[in-house]
């Protein structure tokens, strides 16, 4: 089994390349960088999320997350607000423009994946989905790569 690990790693890395900024003519997601897109997805998914929680989820510092949120706020995709639970805490909320961007990007990627898999048998598509879910769950469980 170990002999397959370098090839599996290389395949994952290549997929990351195609689904990152390079996959769509040097742009991940419209006017968003990949880290901005991932932060926006996180804000869209969770109400009253703090900048620190966004940073933790993306494995970046609170300062780095603040800079990402600044850029998203300047593009009118998110806004800062006080937490409903604790007025001393600053949270991030998605705007209508942010929801529209997430929806448009998700549709674009969905169409892209649909085109890739359109000639696969339904069982093969289910297998791809199941293997990817297992892989993502395993990565989440193991955590981020620290330093090499």
Protein backbone atom coordinates (compact mmCIF):
# COMPACT_ATOMS: atom_id res chain seq x y z
CA UNK A 1 0.00 0.00 0.00
CA UNK A 2 2.82 2.45 0.88
CA UNK A 3 4.19 2.22 -2.66
CA UNK A 4 1.07 4.05 -3.94
CA UNK A 5 1.43 7.01 -1.56
CA UNK A 6 3.76 9.13 -3.75
CA UNK A 7 1.42 8.75 -6.72
CA UNK A 8 -1.67 9.49 -4.61
CA UNK A 9 0.06 12.61 -3.27
CA UNK A 10 0.96 13.70 -6.81
CA UNK A 11 -2.60 13.16 -8.02
CA UNK A 12 -4.04 15.19 -5.14
CA UNK A 13 -1.54 17.96 -5.81
CA UNK A 14 -2.43 17.98 -9.52
CA UNK A 15 -6.15 18.16 -8.72
CA UNK A 16 -5.45 21.06 -6.37
CA UNK A 17 -3.66 22.83 -9.21
CA UNK A 18 -6.59 22.36 -11.60
CA UNK A 19 -9.19 23.43 -9.05
CA UNK A 20 -7.15 26.36 -7.74
CA UNK A 21 -6.25 29.62 -9.43
CA UNK A 22 -4.66 27.94 -12.44
CA UNK A 23 -7.73 25.89 -13.33
CA UNK A 24 -9.72 28.85 -14.58
CA UNK A 25 -7.30 30.96 -16.58
CA UNK A 26 -5.36 32.17 -13.54
CA UNK A 27 -8.45 33.04 -11.52
CA UNK A 28 -10.05 30.83 -8.93
CA UNK A 29 -13.34 32.46 -8.59
CA UNK A 30 -14.07 35.67 -10.42
CA UNK A 31 -12.35 38.50 -8.59
CA UNK A 32 -11.52 36.30 -5.59
CA UNK A 33 -8.28 34.56 -4.75
CA UNK A 34 -8.57 30.99 -3.54
CA UNK A 35 -8.07 32.00 0.12
CA UNK A 36 -10.70 34.75 -0.25
CA UNK A 37 -13.11 32.24 -1.79
CA UNK A 38 -12.52 29.71 1.00
CA UNK A 39 -13.05 32.42 3.64
CA UNK A 40 -16.24 33.56 1.92
CA UNK A 41 -17.51 29.98 1.83
CA UNK A 42 -16.82 29.68 5.56
CA UNK A 43 -18.71 32.92 6.28
CA UNK A 44 -21.60 31.74 4.09
CA UNK A 45 -21.79 28.43 5.93
CA UNK A 46 -21.66 29.74 9.52
CA UNK A 47 -23.60 32.56 11.14
CA UNK A 48 -21.77 34.82 13.57
CA UNK A 49 -18.32 33.49 12.69
CA UNK A 50 -15.38 35.39 14.13
CA UNK A 51 -12.24 36.35 12.25
CA UNK A 52 -10.26 34.10 14.57
CA UNK A 53 -12.52 31.13 13.69
CA UNK A 54 -12.06 31.86 9.99
CA UNK A 55 -8.30 31.96 10.47
CA UNK A 56 -8.34 28.71 12.39
CA UNK A 57 -10.48 27.00 9.76
CA UNK A 58 -8.11 28.09 6.99
CA UNK A 59 -4.94 27.52 9.02
CA UNK A 60 -3.88 31.16 8.86
CA UNK A 61 -3.23 33.68 11.62
CA UNK A 62 -5.90 36.01 12.95
CA UNK A 63 -3.93 38.85 11.36
CA UNK A 64 -3.88 37.05 8.01
CA UNK A 65 -7.60 36.32 8.30
CA UNK A 66 -8.25 40.01 9.07
CA UNK A 67 -6.48 40.99 5.87
CA UNK A 68 -8.55 38.51 3.88
CA UNK A 69 -11.76 39.82 5.47
CA UNK A 70 -10.63 43.40 4.75
CA UNK A 71 -10.34 42.52 1.06
CA UNK A 72 -13.73 40.77 1.06
CA UNK A 73 -15.29 43.74 2.85
CA UNK A 74 -13.78 46.15 0.29
CA UNK A 75 -15.38 44.05 -2.46
CA UNK A 76 -18.72 44.23 -0.55
CA UNK A 77 -18.95 40.44 -0.10
CA UNK A 78 -18.95 40.53 3.71
CA UNK A 79 -19.42 42.96 6.54
CA UNK A 80 -18.25 43.07 10.11
CA UNK A 81 -20.88 43.20 12.83
CA UNK A 82 -21.23 42.70 16.55
CA UNK A 83 -22.02 39.20 17.73
CA UNK A 84 -25.64 38.65 18.66
CA UNK A 85 -24.45 36.55 21.61
CA UNK A 86 -21.73 38.92 22.86
CA UNK A 87 -21.59 42.53 21.73
CA UNK A 88 -17.86 42.71 22.50
CA UNK A 89 -17.11 40.15 19.78
CA UNK A 90 -16.73 41.11 16.12
CA UNK A 91 -18.25 38.66 13.66
CA UNK A 92 -18.38 38.48 9.90
CA UNK A 93 -21.58 38.16 7.86
CA UNK A 94 -22.06 37.56 4.17
CA UNK A 95 -23.86 40.17 2.05
CA UNK A 96 -26.29 39.64 -0.80
CA UNK A 97 -23.43 40.27 -3.22
CA UNK A 98 -21.38 37.60 -1.41
CA UNK A 99 -24.21 35.07 -1.64
CA UNK A 100 -24.58 35.85 -5.34
CA UNK A 101 -20.83 35.32 -5.88
CA UNK A 102 -20.80 31.99 -3.99
CA UNK A 103 -23.82 30.77 -5.96
CA UNK A 104 -22.31 31.76 -9.32
CA UNK A 105 -18.93 30.18 -8.51
CA UNK A 106 -20.55 26.96 -7.23
CA UNK A 107 -22.58 26.71 -10.44
CA UNK A 108 -19.46 27.21 -12.55
CA UNK A 109 -17.51 24.50 -10.71
CA UNK A 110 -20.53 22.18 -10.73
CA UNK A 111 -20.80 22.53 -14.50
CA UNK A 112 -17.05 21.92 -14.82
CA UNK A 113 -17.20 18.72 -12.73
CA UNK A 114 -20.36 17.61 -14.52
CA UNK A 115 -18.54 17.94 -17.84
CA UNK A 116 -15.63 15.87 -16.53
CA UNK A 117 -17.81 13.08 -15.22
CA UNK A 118 -20.61 13.08 -17.78
CA UNK A 119 -19.41 9.86 -19.45
CA UNK A 120 -18.91 8.00 -16.16
CA UNK A 121 -21.38 5.35 -15.08
CA UNK A 122 -23.59 6.47 -12.16
CA UNK A 123 -21.91 3.94 -9.84
CA UNK A 124 -18.48 5.32 -10.78
CA UNK A 125 -19.65 8.87 -9.96
CA UNK A 126 -20.92 7.61 -6.58
CA UNK A 127 -17.53 5.96 -5.99
CA UNK A 128 -15.67 9.19 -6.81
CA UNK A 129 -17.89 11.10 -4.38
CA UNK A 130 -17.47 8.50 -1.62
CA UNK A 131 -13.68 8.31 -1.96
CA UNK A 132 -13.38 12.11 -1.96
CA UNK A 133 -15.59 12.34 1.15
CA UNK A 134 -13.43 9.75 2.92
CA UNK A 135 -10.27 11.59 1.91
CA UNK A 136 -11.58 14.98 3.08
CA UNK A 137 -12.81 13.50 6.36
CA UNK A 138 -9.42 11.88 6.91
CA UNK A 139 -7.62 15.17 6.25
CA UNK A 140 -9.96 16.99 8.65
CA UNK A 141 -9.37 14.35 11.31
CA UNK A 142 -5.58 14.42 10.91
CA UNK A 143 -5.41 18.20 10.64
CA UNK A 144 -3.22 20.54 8.65
CA UNK A 145 0.34 19.75 7.71
CA UNK A 146 2.49 21.57 10.23
CA UNK A 147 6.09 22.07 9.16
CA UNK A 148 8.28 19.73 7.20
